[in-house]
Amino acid sequence: MEISGKILDVTNQPLYLANVTITTGSQINKFGTVAKENGEFSLSSDIISPDSQFRISYIGFKNQYYKASELQGKTIKLEEDSIGLDEVIIRPKDKPTNTSVATQPSNIKQHFQKHKLVYAGLGGIVALLLILTSIKKLK
C-alpha cells in the first residue's frame, strides 16, 4: 500500500523534513519517511495496511495520528506546540569550585603552553573567517 500527502503549518508553509512514522505492527517507530522541501511525502511498502497507524511529527509542533487509509493525498496542518518556562534563575556560587586557571597566572601560562596547537588552529580559523568576510563585503 502507498500513503502520500503534504505537511504544512497553520500558515500553509511546508514543513520540510517533518516525520511520518509507523506506530503499529512489527516496525513500530522503525519505518517511515520525511517530507520534502515542499512538504510532500510518499511511502510505499507491503507492510502498510489500511489500518496501519502513522504519527506525523515535527519539532515544535503537536503530533497528529492517522490510519494509512486516511493518508491518500491528504494535506495535514500541524499546530505549534509551545512549552514555556515560568522563570529561569541563575545564581553564582559564593566560592567557585575550580579557580586554578582563572586566578593563578602561572597556571594560565602552563595551560596555554600545553594547548598552544589548539589555540593556533583556532586563530587560523578566525583569520580565514575574517578574510572571507572581507572578500564578501568587496563583492
C-alpha atoms as a PDB file:
ATOM      1  CA  MET A   1       0.000   0.000   0.000  1.00  0.00           C
ATOM      2  CA  GLU A   2       1.103   3.557  -0.615  1.00  0.00           C
ATOM      3  CA  ILE A   3       0.497   6.631   1.501  1.00  0.00           C
ATOM      4  CA  SER A   4       1.103  10.212   0.453  1.00  0.00           C
ATOM      5  CA  GLY A   5       0.246  13.745   1.379  1.00  0.00           C
ATOM      6  CA  LYS A   6       1.522  17.178   2.262  1.00  0.00           C
ATOM      7  CA  ILE A   7       2.519  18.535   5.678  1.00  0.00           C
ATOM      8  CA  LEU A   8       2.074  22.251   6.349  1.00  0.00           C
ATOM      9  CA  ASP A   9       1.902  24.577   9.320  1.00  0.00           C
ATOM     10  CA  VAL A  10      -1.261  26.595  10.023  1.00  0.00           C
ATOM     11  CA  THR A  11       0.002  29.419   7.771  1.00  0.00           C
ATOM     12  CA  ASN A  12       0.318  26.951   4.852  1.00  0.00           C
ATOM     13  CA  GLN A  13       4.133  26.891   4.956  1.00  0.00           C
ATOM     14  CA  PRO A  14       5.600  23.461   4.110  1.00  0.00           C
ATOM     15  CA  LEU A  15       7.296  21.641   6.985  1.00  0.00           C
ATOM     16  CA  TYR A  16      10.476  20.350   5.353  1.00  0.00           C
ATOM     17  CA  LEU A  17      11.726  17.117   6.989  1.00  0.00           C
ATOM     18  CA  ALA A  18       8.553  16.557   9.029  1.00  0.00           C
ATOM     19  CA  ASN A  19       8.442  12.914  10.140  1.00  0.00           C
ATOM     20  CA  VAL A  20       5.925  10.301   9.057  1.00  0.00           C
ATOM     21  CA  THR A  21       6.475   7.201  11.230  1.00  0.00           C
ATOM     22  CA  ILE A  22       4.508   3.980  11.594  1.00  0.00           C
ATOM     23  CA  THR A  23       3.250   3.414  15.149  1.00  0.00           C
ATOM     24  CA  THR A  24       1.714  -0.046  14.792  1.00  0.00           C
ATOM     25  CA  GLY A  25       2.872  -3.517  13.801  1.00  0.00           C
ATOM     26  CA  SER A  26       6.311  -5.112  13.875  1.00  0.00           C
ATOM     27  CA  GLN A  27       8.077  -1.998  12.530  1.00  0.00           C
ATOM     28  CA  ILE A  28       6.764   0.401  15.198  1.00  0.00           C
ATOM     29  CA  ASN A  29       8.883   3.596  15.209  1.00  0.00           C
ATOM     30  CA  LYS A  30      11.371   1.973  12.783  1.00  0.00           C
ATOM     31  CA  PHE A  31       9.697   2.638   9.459  1.00  0.00           C
ATOM     32  CA  GLY A  32       8.731   5.926   7.880  1.00  0.00           C
ATOM     33  CA  THR A  33       9.784   8.855   5.765  1.00  0.00           C
ATOM     34  CA  VAL A  34      10.239  12.624   5.876  1.00  0.00           C
ATOM     35  CA  ALA A  35       8.583  15.429   3.957  1.00  0.00           C
ATOM     36  CA  LYS A  36      10.408  17.078   1.056  1.00  0.00           C
ATOM     37  CA  GLU A  37      11.082  20.824   0.840  1.00  0.00           C
ATOM     38  CA  ASN A  38       7.567  21.426  -0.472  1.00  0.00           C
ATOM     39  CA  GLY A  39       6.062  19.432   2.426  1.00  0.00           C
ATOM     40  CA  GLU A  40       5.086  16.453   0.280  1.00  0.00           C
ATOM     41  CA  PHE A  41       5.740  12.876   1.375  1.00  0.00           C
ATOM     42  CA  SER A  42       5.076   9.421  -0.007  1.00  0.00           C
ATOM     43  CA  LEU A  43       5.792   5.935   1.236  1.00  0.00           C
ATOM     44  CA  SER A  44       5.078   2.583  -0.324  1.00  0.00           C
ATOM     45  CA  SER A  45       5.540  -0.846   1.274  1.00  0.00           C
ATOM     46  CA  ASP A  46       3.948  -4.250   1.686  1.00  0.00           C
ATOM     47  CA  ILE A  47       3.989  -3.815   5.471  1.00  0.00           C
ATOM     48  CA  ILE A  48       1.500  -0.927   5.254  1.00  0.00           C
ATOM     49  CA  SER A  49      -2.124  -1.977   5.622  1.00  0.00           C
ATOM     50  CA  PRO A  50      -5.175   0.316   5.594  1.00  0.00           C
ATOM     51  CA  ASP A  51      -5.293   0.031   9.413  1.00  0.00           C
ATOM     52  CA  SER A  52      -1.598   0.875   9.961  1.00  0.00           C
ATOM     53  CA  GLN A  53      -1.317   3.972  12.107  1.00  0.00           C
ATOM     54  CA  PHE A  54       1.181   6.764  11.430  1.00  0.00           C
ATOM     55  CA  ARG A  55       2.457   9.621  13.580  1.00  0.00           C
ATOM     56  CA  ILE A  56       3.065  12.921  11.808  1.00  0.00           C
ATOM     57  CA  SER A  57       5.575  14.951  13.819  1.00  0.00           C
ATOM     58  CA  TYR A  58       7.835  17.970  13.620  1.00  0.00           C
ATOM     59  CA  ILE A  59       9.887  19.615  16.357  1.00  0.00           C
ATOM     60  CA  GLY A  60       7.933  22.413  17.997  1.00  0.00           C
ATOM     61  CA  PHE A  61       4.583  21.151  16.678  1.00  0.00           C
ATOM     62  CA  LYS A  62       1.850  18.894  18.088  1.00  0.00           C
ATOM     63  CA  ASN A  63       1.868  15.309  16.812  1.00  0.00           C
ATOM     64  CA  GLN A  64      -1.060  14.021  14.775  1.00  0.00           C
ATOM     65  CA  TYR A  65      -2.048  10.403  14.129  1.00  0.00           C
ATOM     66  CA  TYR A  66      -3.706   8.925  11.044  1.00  0.00           C
ATOM     67  CA  LYS A  67      -4.529   5.499   9.653  1.00  0.00           C
ATOM     68  CA  ALA A  68      -2.909   4.658   6.329  1.00  0.00           C
ATOM     69  CA  SER A  69      -6.339   4.661   4.711  1.00  0.00           C
ATOM     70  CA  GLU A  70      -6.631   8.361   5.631  1.00  0.00           C
ATOM     71  CA  LEU A  71      -3.244   9.259   4.124  1.00  0.00           C
ATOM     72  CA  GLN A  72      -4.151   9.210   0.467  1.00  0.00           C
ATOM     73  CA  GLY A  73      -3.118  12.640  -0.827  1.00  0.00           C
ATOM     74  CA  LYS A  74      -4.134  14.289   2.457  1.00  0.00           C
ATOM     75  CA  THR A  75      -2.967  17.781   3.424  1.00  0.00           C
ATOM     76  CA  ILE A  76      -2.051  17.814   7.100  1.00  0.00           C
ATOM     77  CA  LYS A  77      -1.724  21.055   9.060  1.00  0.00           C
ATOM     78  CA  LEU A  78       0.342  20.839  12.222  1.00  0.00           C
ATOM     79  CA  GLU A  79      -0.184  23.325  15.042  1.00  0.00           C
ATOM     80  CA  GLU A  80       2.666  24.821  17.032  1.00  0.00           C
ATOM     81  CA  ASP A  81       3.204  23.324  20.464  1.00  0.00           C
ATOM     82  CA  SER A  82       4.620  25.890  22.824  1.00  0.00           C
ATOM     83  CA  ILE A  83       6.244  24.769  26.007  1.00  0.00           C
ATOM     84  CA  GLY A  84       7.267  27.648  28.200  1.00  0.00           C
ATOM     85  CA  LEU A  85       9.157  28.081  31.393  1.00  0.00           C
ATOM     86  CA  ASP A  86       7.759  30.337  34.080  1.00  0.00           C
ATOM     87  CA  GLU A  87      11.117  31.552  35.258  1.00  0.00           C
ATOM     88  CA  VAL A  88      14.798  30.718  34.995  1.00  0.00           C
ATOM     89  CA  ILE A  89      17.079  31.778  37.831  1.00  0.00           C
ATOM     90  CA  ILE A  90      20.858  31.622  37.561  1.00  0.00           C
ATOM     91  CA  ARG A  91      22.761  32.144  40.783  1.00  0.00           C
ATOM     92  CA  PRO A  92      26.544  32.221  41.057  1.00  0.00           C
ATOM     93  CA  LYS A  93      28.128  30.223  43.843  1.00  0.00           C
ATOM     94  CA  ASP A  94      29.744  32.143  46.680  1.00  0.00           C
ATOM     95  CA  LYS A  95      33.042  30.354  46.139  1.00  0.00           C
ATOM     96  CA  PRO A  96      33.865  28.934  42.692  1.00  0.00           C
ATOM     97  CA  THR A  97      34.992  25.323  42.902  1.00  0.00           C
ATOM     98  CA  ASN A  98      37.722  25.496  40.250  1.00  0.00           C
ATOM     99  CA  THR A  99      39.797  28.664  40.412  1.00  0.00           C
ATOM    100  CA  SER A 100      43.197  27.289  39.462  1.00  0.00           C
ATOM    101  CA  VAL A 101      43.311  28.593  35.887  1.00  0.00           C
ATOM    102  CA  ALA A 102      41.381  31.796  36.487  1.00  0.00           C
ATOM    103  CA  THR A 103      43.331  33.120  39.469  1.00  0.00           C
ATOM    104  CA  GLN A 104      46.898  31.900  39.088  1.00  0.00           C
ATOM    105  CA  PRO A 105      48.942  33.415  36.232  1.00  0.00           C
ATOM    106  CA  SER A 106      51.463  30.556  36.228  1.00  0.00           C
ATOM    107  CA  ASN A 107      48.668  28.071  35.525  1.00  0.00           C
ATOM    108  CA  ILE A 108      47.382  30.188  32.659  1.00  0.00           C
ATOM    109  CA  LYS A 109      50.841  30.096  31.057  1.00  0.00           C
ATOM    110  CA  GLN A 110      51.085  26.302  31.561  1.00  0.00           C
ATOM    111  CA  HIS A 111      47.603  25.839  30.136  1.00  0.00           C
ATOM    112  CA  PHE A 112      48.486  27.898  27.046  1.00  0.00           C
ATOM    113  CA  GLN A 113      51.770  26.041  26.518  1.00  0.00           C
ATOM    114  CA  LYS A 114      50.012  22.679  26.814  1.00  0.00           C
ATOM    115  CA  HIS A 115      47.278  23.634  24.333  1.00  0.00           C
ATOM    116  CA  LYS A 116      49.125  26.035  22.017  1.00  0.00           C
ATOM    117  CA  LEU A 117      48.358  23.992  18.888  1.00  0.00           C
ATOM    118  CA  VAL A 118      44.641  24.211  19.630  1.00  0.00           C
ATOM    119  CA  TYR A 119      44.854  27.978  20.082  1.00  0.00           C
ATOM    120  CA  ALA A 120      46.961  28.308  16.924  1.00  0.00           C
ATOM    121  CA  GLY A 121      44.375  26.332  14.968  1.00  0.00           C
ATOM    122  CA  LEU A 122      41.546  28.467  16.295  1.00  0.00           C
ATOM    123  CA  GLY A 123      43.497  31.595  15.399  1.00  0.00           C
ATOM    124  CA  GLY A 124      43.886  30.329  11.839  1.00  0.00           C
ATOM    125  CA  ILE A 125      40.166  29.643  11.544  1.00  0.00           C
ATOM    126  CA  VAL A 126      39.311  33.124  12.839  1.00  0.00           C
ATOM    127  CA  ALA A 127      41.767  34.678  10.360  1.00  0.00           C
ATOM    128  CA  LEU A 128      40.227  32.707   7.499  1.00  0.00           C
ATOM    129  CA  LEU A 129      36.719  33.810   8.506  1.00  0.00           C
ATOM    130  CA  LEU A 130      37.859  37.442   8.611  1.00  0.00           C
ATOM    131  CA  ILE A 131      39.369  37.141   5.126  1.00  0.00           C
ATOM    132  CA  LEU A 132      36.225  35.510   3.715  1.00  0.00           C
ATOM    133  CA  THR A 133      34.030  38.161   5.308  1.00  0.00           C
ATOM    134  CA  SER A 134      36.195  40.923   3.815  1.00  0.00           C
ATOM    135  CA  ILE A 135      36.026  39.334   0.357  1.00  0.00           C
ATOM    136  CA  LYS A 136      32.261  39.023   0.594  1.00  0.00           C
ATOM    137  CA  LYS A 137      31.953  42.720   1.524  1.00  0.00           C
ATOM    138  CA  LEU A 138      34.056  43.700  -1.517  1.00  0.00           C
ATOM    139  CA  LYS A 139      31.700  41.935  -3.924  1.00  0.00           C
END
